[in-house]
Amino acid sequence: MPHSETTPETEMRFDGRVAVVTGAGRGLGRAYALLLAARGCKVVVNDLGGAIRGDGPDTNVAQSVVDEIVAAGGEAVANADSVATPEGGKAIVQAALDTWGRIDALIHNAGNVRYGSIRDISYDDFKSVVDVHLMGAFHVVQAAFGPMCDQNFGRIVLTSSIGGIYGNNNCVNYGMSKSGMIGLSNVAALEGEDCNVKSNVIVPSAVTRMAEGIDVSQYPPMDPELVAPVVAWLAHEACTVTGEMIASIAGRIARVFLAETRGVYRPSWTIEDVAAACEAFHDKGPENPQVLDFGLHGHVGHIGYSFQMASEGAKTAS
């Protein structure tokens, strides 16, 4: 696709808006913070500054990004609180409220990596990743949600991963955390509907320090700057989608969604019936091409469709 022509009148800006970006000292988070600031957003640059495992905090990491933003004429403040505790999550959001009196966008990007299989991972390594990625998301979302609802505006962007959607070996802590983002975002989207608070999930792929140890020599260009415009759009007031997952990898953007096959109805089942129907309820085409995408209110759609099938099946049987 050709690039959209941008003029001063059509440029999507964030003037007057305030964003919090966690894990913004390096990699993807840094790219998000820089792009938002370049478009007029005031930014809380949060980063503990630790190593990839989360060890050895360094407050200079966040400050260096702030210095870069200020040097370019933008506004930003550094914050080195940890998302892993409720107190840290509140302090990160409070930095925006204390400095500028509001929070309009929350981008939770902070993360750490500690590899290990289900069988062998230590509990400390398991918990450390869950605390930062998943509990960290809840801590900052809970702190930001009230102020966003009270001002009748907010944009939340949570970070999942293909490792959370499709799974991967030796990262059970990471996979579980990134799957959990889907549930948190959907609940935030539902609870925020009446307050113009939208919540979505970014599923990013980029070559950052989290790719250490992986041979990326044959990868196409996968710089964080390819993902940043997607996240900025999700954080913008003009973004209308909510409760969705958007993937960005090597220049490709796609919607990721949960779906159901049409399924099979019987008024009663035995174990043997289930075994015999396995192929049919797994069928998604081409003979039975209907795949059901229920969207944000999927819990209602799922129940309603299932009840409808049961009702129709009962009528057919009678």
C-alpha atoms as a PDB file:
ATOM      1  CA  MET A   1       0.000   0.000   0.000  1.00  0.00           C
ATOM      2  CA  PRO A   2       1.236   3.529  -0.693  1.00  0.00           C
ATOM      3  CA  HIS A   3       1.869   5.836   2.234  1.00  0.00           C
ATOM      4  CA  SER A   4      -1.010   8.076   3.280  1.00  0.00           C
ATOM      5  CA  GLU A   5      -0.310  11.695   2.532  1.00  0.00           C
ATOM      6  CA  THR A   6       0.097  13.661   5.764  1.00  0.00           C
ATOM      7  CA  THR A   7      -0.440  17.382   6.053  1.00  0.00           C
ATOM      8  CA  PRO A   8      -0.480  19.589   9.157  1.00  0.00           C
ATOM      9  CA  GLU A   9      -4.272  19.391   8.988  1.00  0.00           C
ATOM     10  CA  THR A  10      -4.433  15.578   8.793  1.00  0.00           C
ATOM     11  CA  GLU A  11      -1.521  14.671  11.076  1.00  0.00           C
ATOM     12  CA  MET A  12      -2.752  12.641  14.029  1.00  0.00           C
ATOM     13  CA  ARG A  13      -1.422  14.488  17.042  1.00  0.00           C
ATOM     14  CA  PHE A  14      -1.588  14.164  20.814  1.00  0.00           C
ATOM     15  CA  ASP A  15      -1.446  17.822  21.845  1.00  0.00           C
ATOM     16  CA  GLY A  16      -2.790  18.203  25.375  1.00  0.00           C
ATOM     17  CA  ARG A  17      -2.718  14.455  25.962  1.00  0.00           C
ATOM     18  CA  VAL A  18      -0.709  12.609  28.609  1.00  0.00           C
ATOM     19  CA  ALA A  19       0.605   9.077  28.207  1.00  0.00           C
ATOM     20  CA  VAL A  20       2.300   6.609  30.523  1.00  0.00           C
ATOM     21  CA  VAL A  21       4.581   4.092  28.841  1.00  0.00           C
ATOM     22  CA  THR A  22       6.024   1.339  31.005  1.00  0.00           C
ATOM     23  CA  GLY A  23       9.315  -0.224  30.010  1.00  0.00           C
ATOM     24  CA  ALA A  24      10.025   2.835  27.890  1.00  0.00           C
ATOM     25  CA  GLY A  25      13.768   3.034  28.431  1.00  0.00           C
ATOM     26  CA  ARG A  26      14.747   0.739  25.593  1.00  0.00           C
ATOM     27  CA  GLY A  27      13.438  -1.130  22.568  1.00  0.00           C
ATOM     28  CA  LEU A  28       9.743  -0.983  21.777  1.00  0.00           C
ATOM     29  CA  GLY A  29       8.780   1.200  24.737  1.00  0.00           C
ATOM     30  CA  ARG A  30      11.381   3.790  23.834  1.00  0.00           C
ATOM     31  CA  ALA A  31      10.089   3.895  20.244  1.00  0.00           C
ATOM     32  CA  TYR A  32       6.537   4.395  21.520  1.00  0.00           C
ATOM     33  CA  ALA A  33       7.535   7.205  23.869  1.00  0.00           C
ATOM     34  CA  LEU A  34       9.567   9.027  21.227  1.00  0.00           C
ATOM     35  CA  LEU A  35       6.812   8.862  18.611  1.00  0.00           C
ATOM     36  CA  LEU A  36       4.104  10.017  21.006  1.00  0.00           C
ATOM     37  CA  ALA A  37       6.263  12.893  22.213  1.00  0.00           C
ATOM     38  CA  ALA A  38       7.088  13.886  18.630  1.00  0.00           C
ATOM     39  CA  ARG A  39       3.345  14.195  18.008  1.00  0.00           C
ATOM     40  CA  GLY A  40       2.809  16.497  20.992  1.00  0.00           C
ATOM     41  CA  CYS A  41       2.068  14.041  23.793  1.00  0.00           C
ATOM     42  CA  LYS A  42       3.387  14.534  27.301  1.00  0.00           C
ATOM     43  CA  VAL A  43       4.979  11.266  28.386  1.00  0.00           C
ATOM     44  CA  VAL A  44       5.827   9.512  31.625  1.00  0.00           C
ATOM     45  CA  VAL A  45       8.817   7.368  30.697  1.00  0.00           C
ATOM     46  CA  ASN A  46       8.746   4.477  33.140  1.00  0.00           C
ATOM     47  CA  ASP A  47      11.621   2.034  33.303  1.00  0.00           C
ATOM     48  CA  LEU A  48      13.250   0.221  36.166  1.00  0.00           C
ATOM     49  CA  GLY A  49      16.393   0.137  34.067  1.00  0.00           C
ATOM     50  CA  GLY A  50      17.286  -3.427  34.934  1.00  0.00           C
ATOM     51  CA  ALA A  51      18.904  -6.210  32.972  1.00  0.00           C
ATOM     52  CA  ILE A  52      16.759  -8.488  30.836  1.00  0.00           C
ATOM     53  CA  ARG A  53      16.034 -10.712  33.860  1.00  0.00           C
ATOM     54  CA  GLY A  54      14.887  -7.651  35.811  1.00  0.00           C
ATOM     55  CA  ASP A  55      18.024  -7.431  37.936  1.00  0.00           C
ATOM     56  CA  GLY A  56      20.133  -4.331  38.669  1.00  0.00           C
ATOM     57  CA  PRO A  57      17.863  -1.274  38.370  1.00  0.00           C
ATOM     58  CA  ASP A  58      19.329   1.848  36.751  1.00  0.00           C
ATOM     59  CA  THR A  59      17.366   5.110  36.880  1.00  0.00           C
ATOM     60  CA  ASN A  60      19.517   6.617  34.130  1.00  0.00           C
ATOM     61  CA  VAL A  61      17.808   4.443  31.514  1.00  0.00           C
ATOM     62  CA  ALA A  62      14.446   6.245  31.746  1.00  0.00           C
ATOM     63  CA  GLN A  63      16.099   9.626  32.196  1.00  0.00           C
ATOM     64  CA  SER A  64      18.093   9.241  28.985  1.00  0.00           C
ATOM     65  CA  VAL A  65      14.862   8.891  26.987  1.00  0.00           C
ATOM     66  CA  VAL A  66      13.394  11.915  28.771  1.00  0.00           C
ATOM     67  CA  ASP A  67      16.500  13.907  27.886  1.00  0.00           C
ATOM     68  CA  GLU A  68      16.093  12.865  24.260  1.00  0.00           C
ATOM     69  CA  ILE A  69      12.454  13.971  24.222  1.00  0.00           C
ATOM     70  CA  VAL A  70      13.166  17.303  25.918  1.00  0.00           C
ATOM     71  CA  ALA A  71      16.076  17.997  23.571  1.00  0.00           C
ATOM     72  CA  ALA A  72      13.662  17.589  20.655  1.00  0.00           C
ATOM     73  CA  GLY A  73      11.250  20.089  22.199  1.00  0.00           C
ATOM     74  CA  GLY A  74       8.877  17.673  23.903  1.00  0.00           C
ATOM     75  CA  GLU A  75       7.698  17.176  27.477  1.00  0.00           C
ATOM     76  CA  ALA A  76       8.460  14.094  29.543  1.00  0.00           C
ATOM     77  CA  VAL A  77       9.297  12.939  33.048  1.00  0.00           C
ATOM     78  CA  ALA A  78      11.179   9.855  34.163  1.00  0.00           C
ATOM     79  CA  ASN A  79       9.848   7.259  36.559  1.00  0.00           C
ATOM     80  CA  ALA A  80      11.705   4.214  37.875  1.00  0.00           C
ATOM     81  CA  ASP A  81       9.008   2.559  39.992  1.00  0.00           C
ATOM     82  CA  SER A  82       8.385  -1.145  39.467  1.00  0.00           C
ATOM     83  CA  VAL A  83       5.129  -2.309  37.891  1.00  0.00           C
ATOM     84  CA  ALA A  84       5.465  -5.556  39.857  1.00  0.00           C
ATOM     85  CA  THR A  85       3.846  -4.142  43.025  1.00  0.00           C
ATOM     86  CA  PRO A  86       0.508  -2.374  43.550  1.00  0.00           C
ATOM     87  CA  GLU A  87       2.373   0.532  45.116  1.00  0.00           C
ATOM     88  CA  GLY A  88       4.667   0.808  42.118  1.00  0.00           C
ATOM     89  CA  GLY A  89       1.764   0.740  39.673  1.00  0.00           C
ATOM     90  CA  LYS A  90       0.003   3.524  41.559  1.00  0.00           C
ATOM     91  CA  ALA A  91       3.185   5.614  41.719  1.00  0.00           C
ATOM     92  CA  ILE A  92       3.738   5.328  37.960  1.00  0.00           C
ATOM     93  CA  VAL A  93       0.250   6.610  37.158  1.00  0.00           C
ATOM     94  CA  GLN A  94       0.462   9.199  39.922  1.00  0.00           C
ATOM     95  CA  ALA A  95       3.541  10.651  38.230  1.00  0.00           C
ATOM     96  CA  ALA A  96       1.297  11.651  35.314  1.00  0.00           C
ATOM     97  CA  LEU A  97      -1.429  13.006  37.579  1.00  0.00           C
ATOM     98  CA  ASP A  98       1.016  14.973  39.732  1.00  0.00           C
ATOM     99  CA  THR A  99       2.843  16.456  36.747  1.00  0.00           C
ATOM    100  CA  TRP A 100       0.025  17.178  34.306  1.00  0.00           C
ATOM    101  CA  GLY A 101      -3.218  16.465  36.171  1.00  0.00           C
ATOM    102  CA  ARG A 102      -4.473  13.690  33.903  1.00  0.00           C
ATOM    103  CA  ILE A 103      -3.702  10.423  32.138  1.00  0.00           C
ATOM    104  CA  ASP A 104      -5.095   9.818  28.658  1.00  0.00           C
ATOM    105  CA  ALA A 105      -3.161   6.798  27.440  1.00  0.00           C
ATOM    106  CA  LEU A 106      -1.570   3.862  29.218  1.00  0.00           C
ATOM    107  CA  ILE A 107       0.801   1.592  27.321  1.00  0.00           C
ATOM    108  CA  HIS A 108       2.021  -1.358  29.367  1.00  0.00           C
ATOM    109  CA  ASN A 109       5.189  -2.606  27.719  1.00  0.00           C
ATOM    110  CA  ALA A 110       7.456  -3.458  30.664  1.00  0.00           C
ATOM    111  CA  GLY A 111       8.810  -6.966  30.641  1.00  0.00           C
ATOM    112  CA  ASN A 112      11.520  -9.357  31.716  1.00  0.00           C
ATOM    113  CA  VAL A 113      12.614 -12.805  30.551  1.00  0.00           C
ATOM    114  CA  ARG A 114      13.467 -15.885  32.573  1.00  0.00           C
ATOM    115  CA  TYR A 115      13.367 -19.067  30.542  1.00  0.00           C
ATOM    116  CA  GLY A 116      12.382 -22.473  31.825  1.00  0.00           C
ATOM    117  CA  SER A 117      10.190 -25.445  30.993  1.00  0.00           C
ATOM    118  CA  ILE A 118       7.069 -26.371  32.945  1.00  0.00           C
ATOM    119  CA  ARG A 119       8.959 -29.255  34.468  1.00  0.00           C
ATOM    120  CA  ASP A 120      12.107 -27.430  35.496  1.00  0.00           C
ATOM    121  CA  ILE A 121      11.445 -23.713  36.023  1.00  0.00           C
ATOM    122  CA  SER A 122      12.017 -22.426  39.528  1.00  0.00           C
ATOM    123  CA  TYR A 123       9.105 -20.772  41.262  1.00  0.00           C
ATOM    124  CA  ASP A 124      11.104 -17.551  41.688  1.00  0.00           C
ATOM    125  CA  ASP A 125      11.755 -17.342  37.943  1.00  0.00           C
ATOM    126  CA  PHE A 126       8.130 -18.169  37.189  1.00  0.00           C
ATOM    127  CA  LYS A 127       6.760 -15.579  39.588  1.00  0.00           C
ATOM    128  CA  SER A 128       9.196 -12.852  38.560  1.00  0.00           C
ATOM    129  CA  VAL A 129       7.921 -12.829  34.972  1.00  0.00           C
ATOM    130  CA  VAL A 130       4.257 -13.125  35.932  1.00  0.00           C
ATOM    131  CA  ASP A 131       4.661 -10.255  38.431  1.00  0.00           C
ATOM    132  CA  VAL A 132       6.095  -7.885  35.815  1.00  0.00           C
ATOM    133  CA  HIS A 133       4.072  -8.769  32.720  1.00  0.00           C
ATOM    134  CA  LEU A 134       0.674  -9.831  34.029  1.00  0.00           C
ATOM    135  CA  MET A 135       0.357  -8.470  37.552  1.00  0.00           C
ATOM    136  CA  GLY A 136       2.183  -5.359  36.387  1.00  0.00           C
ATOM    137  CA  ALA A 137      -0.516  -4.840  33.767  1.00  0.00           C
ATOM    138  CA  PHE A 138      -3.243  -5.088  36.380  1.00  0.00           C
ATOM    139  CA  HIS A 139      -1.423  -2.742  38.751  1.00  0.00           C
ATOM    140  CA  VAL A 140      -1.131   0.089  36.231  1.00  0.00           C
ATOM    141  CA  VAL A 141      -4.537  -0.509  34.626  1.00  0.00           C
ATOM    142  CA  GLN A 142      -6.299  -0.403  37.979  1.00  0.00           C
ATOM    143  CA  ALA A 143      -4.481   2.809  38.910  1.00  0.00           C
ATOM    144  CA  ALA A 144      -5.293   4.501  35.597  1.00  0.00           C
ATOM    145  CA  PHE A 145      -8.835   3.220  35.094  1.00  0.00           C
ATOM    146  CA  GLY A 146     -10.583   5.437  37.645  1.00  0.00           C
ATOM    147  CA  PRO A 147      -9.059   8.724  36.431  1.00  0.00           C
ATOM    148  CA  MET A 148      -9.767   7.750  32.815  1.00  0.00           C
ATOM    149  CA  CYS A 149     -13.410   6.929  33.528  1.00  0.00           C
ATOM    150  CA  ASP A 150     -13.856  10.088  35.588  1.00  0.00           C
ATOM    151  CA  GLN A 151     -12.628  12.264  32.704  1.00  0.00           C
ATOM    152  CA  ASN A 152     -14.658  10.216  30.183  1.00  0.00           C
ATOM    153  CA  PHE A 153     -11.645   9.398  28.054  1.00  0.00           C
ATOM    154  CA  GLY A 154      -8.861   6.870  28.027  1.00  0.00           C
ATOM    155  CA  ARG A 155      -6.868   4.559  25.808  1.00  0.00           C
ATOM    156  CA  ILE A 156      -5.228   1.401  27.181  1.00  0.00           C
ATOM    157  CA  VAL A 157      -2.753  -0.675  25.173  1.00  0.00           C
ATOM    158  CA  LEU A 158      -1.531  -3.929  26.695  1.00  0.00           C
ATOM    159  CA  THR A 159       1.257  -6.058  25.265  1.00  0.00           C
ATOM    160  CA  SER A 160       0.681  -9.685  24.391  1.00  0.00           C
ATOM    161  CA  SER A 161       2.838 -11.924  22.225  1.00  0.00           C
ATOM    162  CA  ILE A 162       2.573 -14.714  19.703  1.00  0.00           C
ATOM    163  CA  GLY A 163       4.103 -16.738  22.549  1.00  0.00           C
ATOM    164  CA  GLY A 164       0.988 -15.993  24.581  1.00  0.00           C
ATOM    165  CA  ILE A 165      -1.460 -16.699  21.773  1.00  0.00           C
ATOM    166  CA  TYR A 166       0.183 -19.708  20.155  1.00  0.00           C
ATOM    167  CA  GLY A 167       2.592 -20.785  22.900  1.00  0.00           C
ATOM    168  CA  ASN A 168       6.292 -21.542  22.747  1.00  0.00           C
ATOM    169  CA  ASN A 169       8.729 -23.869  24.456  1.00  0.00           C
ATOM    170  CA  ASN A 170      10.578 -23.032  27.673  1.00  0.00           C
ATOM    171  CA  CYS A 171       8.665 -19.859  28.531  1.00  0.00           C
ATOM    172  CA  VAL A 172       5.587 -20.968  30.463  1.00  0.00           C
ATOM    173  CA  ASN A 173       5.746 -17.871  32.680  1.00  0.00           C
ATOM    174  CA  TYR A 174       5.826 -15.570  29.666  1.00  0.00           C
ATOM    175  CA  GLY A 175       3.171 -17.481  27.738  1.00  0.00           C
ATOM    176  CA  MET A 176       0.733 -17.482  30.646  1.00  0.00           C
ATOM    177  CA  SER A 177       1.301 -13.778  31.300  1.00  0.00           C
ATOM    178  CA  LYS A 178       0.781 -12.778  27.694  1.00  0.00           C
ATOM    179  CA  SER A 179      -2.386 -14.873  27.419  1.00  0.00           C
ATOM    180  CA  GLY A 180      -3.682 -13.138  30.530  1.00  0.00           C
ATOM    181  CA  MET A 181      -3.459  -9.766  28.776  1.00  0.00           C
ATOM    182  CA  ILE A 182      -6.354 -10.803  26.546  1.00  0.00           C
ATOM    183  CA  GLY A 183      -8.733 -11.281  29.466  1.00  0.00           C
ATOM    184  CA  LEU A 184      -7.633  -8.089  31.217  1.00  0.00           C
ATOM    185  CA  SER A 185      -7.998  -6.003  28.076  1.00  0.00           C
ATOM    186  CA  ASN A 186     -11.430  -7.419  27.266  1.00  0.00           C
ATOM    187  CA  VAL A 187     -12.731  -6.673  30.762  1.00  0.00           C
ATOM    188  CA  ALA A 188     -11.290  -3.145  30.622  1.00  0.00           C
ATOM    189  CA  ALA A 189     -12.904  -2.644  27.219  1.00  0.00           C
ATOM    190  CA  LEU A 190     -16.284  -3.812  28.513  1.00  0.00           C
ATOM    191  CA  GLU A 191     -16.146  -1.820  31.741  1.00  0.00           C
ATOM    192  CA  GLY A 192     -14.886   1.247  29.889  1.00  0.00           C
ATOM    193  CA  GLU A 193     -17.542   1.278  27.164  1.00  0.00           C
ATOM    194  CA  ASP A 194     -19.775   3.866  28.825  1.00  0.00           C
ATOM    195  CA  CYS A 195     -16.821   6.124  29.672  1.00  0.00           C
ATOM    196  CA  ASN A 196     -15.071   6.321  26.282  1.00  0.00           C
ATOM    197  CA  VAL A 197     -12.226   4.213  27.653  1.00  0.00           C
ATOM    198  CA  LYS A 198     -10.962   1.803  25.020  1.00  0.00           C
ATOM    199  CA  SER A 199      -8.595  -1.075  25.637  1.00  0.00           C
ATOM    200  CA  ASN A 200      -6.728  -3.117  23.056  1.00  0.00           C
ATOM    201  CA  VAL A 201      -3.823  -5.531  22.855  1.00  0.00           C
ATOM    202  CA  ILE A 202      -0.726  -5.081  20.719  1.00  0.00           C
ATOM    203  CA  VAL A 203       0.991  -8.284  19.605  1.00  0.00           C
ATOM    204  CA  PRO A 204       4.390  -6.923  18.570  1.00  0.00           C
ATOM    205  CA  SER A 205       7.429  -8.580  17.058  1.00  0.00           C
ATOM    206  CA  ALA A 206      10.671  -6.623  16.870  1.00  0.00           C
ATOM    207  CA  VAL A 207      14.358  -7.258  17.229  1.00  0.00           C
ATOM    208  CA  THR A 208      15.235  -5.869  20.658  1.00  0.00           C
ATOM    209  CA  ARG A 209      17.402  -7.110  23.514  1.00  0.00           C
ATOM    210  CA  MET A 210      14.699  -9.691  24.274  1.00  0.00           C
ATOM    211  CA  ALA A 211      15.881 -11.443  21.103  1.00  0.00           C
ATOM    212  CA  GLU A 212      19.305 -12.076  22.608  1.00  0.00           C
ATOM    213  CA  GLY A 213      20.495 -15.587  21.774  1.00  0.00           C
ATOM    214  CA  ILE A 214      18.256 -15.880  18.708  1.00  0.00           C
ATOM    215  CA  ASP A 215      19.790 -15.969  15.226  1.00  0.00           C
ATOM    216  CA  VAL A 216      18.110 -13.006  13.510  1.00  0.00           C
ATOM    217  CA  SER A 217      20.506 -12.821  10.548  1.00  0.00           C
ATOM    218  CA  GLN A 218      17.813 -13.998   8.100  1.00  0.00           C
ATOM    219  CA  TYR A 219      15.026 -11.833   9.532  1.00  0.00           C
ATOM    220  CA  PRO A 220      13.517  -9.002   7.458  1.00  0.00           C
ATOM    221  CA  PRO A 221      13.699  -5.493   8.952  1.00  0.00           C
ATOM    222  CA  MET A 222      12.008  -5.684  12.351  1.00  0.00           C
ATOM    223  CA  ASP A 223      12.886  -2.449  14.094  1.00  0.00           C
ATOM    224  CA  PRO A 224      10.688  -1.191  16.954  1.00  0.00           C
ATOM    225  CA  GLU A 225       9.851   1.830  14.806  1.00  0.00           C
ATOM    226  CA  LEU A 226       7.724  -0.438  12.598  1.00  0.00           C
ATOM    227  CA  VAL A 227       5.477  -1.232  15.566  1.00  0.00           C
ATOM    228  CA  ALA A 228       5.301   2.229  17.136  1.00  0.00           C
ATOM    229  CA  PRO A 229       2.736   3.754  14.726  1.00  0.00           C
ATOM    230  CA  VAL A 230       0.329   0.888  15.434  1.00  0.00           C
ATOM    231  CA  VAL A 231       0.545   1.462  19.173  1.00  0.00           C
ATOM    232  CA  ALA A 232       0.237   5.231  18.713  1.00  0.00           C
ATOM    233  CA  TRP A 233      -2.920   4.735  16.664  1.00  0.00           C
ATOM    234  CA  LEU A 234      -4.414   2.525  19.374  1.00  0.00           C
ATOM    235  CA  ALA A 235      -3.586   5.259  21.902  1.00  0.00           C
ATOM    236  CA  HIS A 236      -5.112   8.056  19.807  1.00  0.00           C
ATOM    237  CA  GLU A 237      -8.506   9.638  20.423  1.00  0.00           C
ATOM    238  CA  ALA A 238      -9.535   8.818  16.844  1.00  0.00           C
ATOM    239  CA  CYS A 239      -9.133   5.078  17.410  1.00  0.00           C
ATOM    240  CA  THR A 240     -12.578   3.488  17.434  1.00  0.00           C
ATOM    241  CA  VAL A 241     -11.722  -0.175  18.049  1.00  0.00           C
ATOM    242  CA  THR A 242     -11.777  -1.704  21.499  1.00  0.00           C
ATOM    243  CA  GLY A 243     -11.367  -5.206  22.872  1.00  0.00           C
ATOM    244  CA  GLU A 244      -9.232  -6.230  19.918  1.00  0.00           C
ATOM    245  CA  MET A 245      -5.777  -7.698  19.350  1.00  0.00           C
ATOM    246  CA  ILE A 246      -3.600  -6.138  16.660  1.00  0.00           C
ATOM    247  CA  ALA A 247      -0.403  -7.847  15.519  1.00  0.00           C
ATOM    248  CA  SER A 248       2.545  -5.982  14.050  1.00  0.00           C
ATOM    249  CA  ILE A 249       5.479  -7.962  12.658  1.00  0.00           C
ATOM    250  CA  ALA A 250       8.082  -6.958  10.055  1.00  0.00           C
ATOM    251  CA  GLY A 251       5.800  -4.327   8.524  1.00  0.00           C
ATOM    252  CA  ARG A 252       2.663  -6.512   8.489  1.00  0.00           C
ATOM    253  CA  ILE A 253      -0.364  -5.461  10.543  1.00  0.00           C
ATOM    254  CA  ALA A 254      -3.189  -7.905  11.186  1.00  0.00           C
ATOM    255  CA  ARG A 255      -6.132  -8.393  13.479  1.00  0.00           C
ATOM    256  CA  VAL A 256      -5.815 -11.432  15.726  1.00  0.00           C
ATOM    257  CA  PHE A 257      -9.002 -12.869  17.152  1.00  0.00           C
ATOM    258  CA  LEU A 258     -10.492 -15.810  18.986  1.00  0.00           C
ATOM    259  CA  ALA A 259     -13.041 -17.771  16.988  1.00  0.00           C
ATOM    260  CA  GLU A 260     -15.301 -20.779  17.251  1.00  0.00           C
ATOM    261  CA  THR A 261     -16.345 -23.393  14.755  1.00  0.00           C
ATOM    262  CA  ARG A 262     -20.062 -23.801  14.164  1.00  0.00           C
ATOM    263  CA  GLY A 263     -20.043 -26.801  16.439  1.00  0.00           C
ATOM    264  CA  VAL A 264     -22.270 -29.832  16.807  1.00  0.00           C
ATOM    265  CA  TYR A 265     -25.504 -30.169  18.774  1.00  0.00           C
ATOM    266  CA  ARG A 266     -27.030 -33.256  20.403  1.00  0.00           C
ATOM    267  CA  PRO A 267     -29.689 -33.297  23.133  1.00  0.00           C
ATOM    268  CA  SER A 268     -27.497 -35.696  25.123  1.00  0.00           C
ATOM    269  CA  TRP A 269     -23.965 -37.034  24.880  1.00  0.00           C
ATOM    270  CA  THR A 270     -21.940 -40.094  25.792  1.00  0.00           C
ATOM    271  CA  ILE A 271     -18.176 -40.224  25.849  1.00  0.00           C
ATOM    272  CA  GLU A 272     -18.338 -42.275  22.668  1.00  0.00           C
ATOM    273  CA  ASP A 273     -20.560 -39.651  21.019  1.00  0.00           C
ATOM    274  CA  VAL A 274     -17.987 -36.968  21.765  1.00  0.00           C
ATOM    275  CA  ALA A 275     -15.222 -39.102  20.286  1.00  0.00           C
ATOM    276  CA  ALA A 276     -17.287 -39.761  17.149  1.00  0.00           C
ATOM    277  CA  ALA A 277     -18.120 -36.042  16.757  1.00  0.00           C
ATOM    278  CA  CYS A 278     -14.562 -34.813  17.269  1.00  0.00           C
ATOM    279  CA  GLU A 279     -13.853 -34.312  13.577  1.00  0.00           C
ATOM    280  CA  ALA A 280     -17.185 -32.538  13.049  1.00  0.00           C
ATOM    281  CA  PHE A 281     -16.825 -30.010  15.868  1.00  0.00           C
ATOM    282  CA  HIS A 282     -13.272 -29.304  14.769  1.00  0.00           C
ATOM    283  CA  ASP A 283     -14.413 -28.669  11.188  1.00  0.00           C
ATOM    284  CA  LYS A 284     -13.876 -25.124   9.979  1.00  0.00           C
ATOM    285  CA  GLY A 285     -14.132 -25.649   6.223  1.00  0.00           C
ATOM    286  CA  PRO A 286     -14.379 -25.816   3.323  1.00  0.00           C
ATOM    287  CA  GLU A 287     -17.542 -27.935   3.658  1.00  0.00           C
ATOM    288  CA  ASN A 288     -18.529 -26.057   6.809  1.00  0.00           C
ATOM    289  CA  PRO A 289     -16.810 -22.697   6.326  1.00  0.00           C
ATOM    290  CA  GLN A 290     -18.571 -20.808   9.099  1.00  0.00           C
ATOM    291  CA  VAL A 291     -16.119 -19.586  11.726  1.00  0.00           C
ATOM    292  CA  LEU A 292     -17.748 -17.505  14.418  1.00  0.00           C
ATOM    293  CA  ASP A 293     -16.069 -14.290  15.489  1.00  0.00           C
ATOM    294  CA  PHE A 294     -18.184 -12.972  18.353  1.00  0.00           C
ATOM    295  CA  GLY A 295     -16.047  -9.906  19.111  1.00  0.00           C
ATOM    296  CA  LEU A 296     -16.037  -7.873  22.306  1.00  0.00           C
ATOM    297  CA  HIS A 297     -19.363  -9.170  23.627  1.00  0.00           C
ATOM    298  CA  GLY A 298     -18.371 -12.729  22.806  1.00  0.00           C
ATOM    299  CA  HIS A 299     -19.612 -14.128  26.114  1.00  0.00           C
ATOM    300  CA  VAL A 300     -23.144 -13.097  25.140  1.00  0.00           C
ATOM    301  CA  GLY A 301     -22.720 -14.207  21.530  1.00  0.00           C
ATOM    302  CA  HIS A 302     -21.282 -17.565  22.541  1.00  0.00           C
ATOM    303  CA  ILE A 303     -24.126 -18.312  24.940  1.00  0.00           C
ATOM    304  CA  GLY A 304     -26.812 -16.987  22.602  1.00  0.00           C
ATOM    305  CA  TYR A 305     -25.596 -18.962  19.604  1.00  0.00           C
ATOM    306  CA  SER A 306     -25.240 -22.134  21.657  1.00  0.00           C
ATOM    307  CA  PHE A 307     -28.750 -21.715  23.096  1.00  0.00           C
ATOM    308  CA  GLN A 308     -30.132 -21.054  19.614  1.00  0.00           C
ATOM    309  CA  MET A 309     -28.541 -24.251  18.301  1.00  0.00           C
ATOM    310  CA  ALA A 310     -29.990 -26.194  21.223  1.00  0.00           C
ATOM    311  CA  SER A 311     -33.435 -24.700  20.581  1.00  0.00           C
ATOM    312  CA  GLU A 312     -33.310 -25.459  16.867  1.00  0.00           C
ATOM    313  CA  GLY A 313     -32.040 -28.968  17.582  1.00  0.00           C
ATOM    314  CA  ALA A 314     -34.895 -29.598  20.003  1.00  0.00           C
ATOM    315  CA  LYS A 315     -37.463 -28.445  17.428  1.00  0.00           C
ATOM    316  CA  THR A 316     -35.926 -30.720  14.808  1.00  0.00           C
ATOM    317  CA  ALA A 317     -36.014 -33.679  17.182  1.00  0.00           C
ATOM    318  CA  SER A 318     -39.666 -33.141  18.117  1.00  0.00           C
END
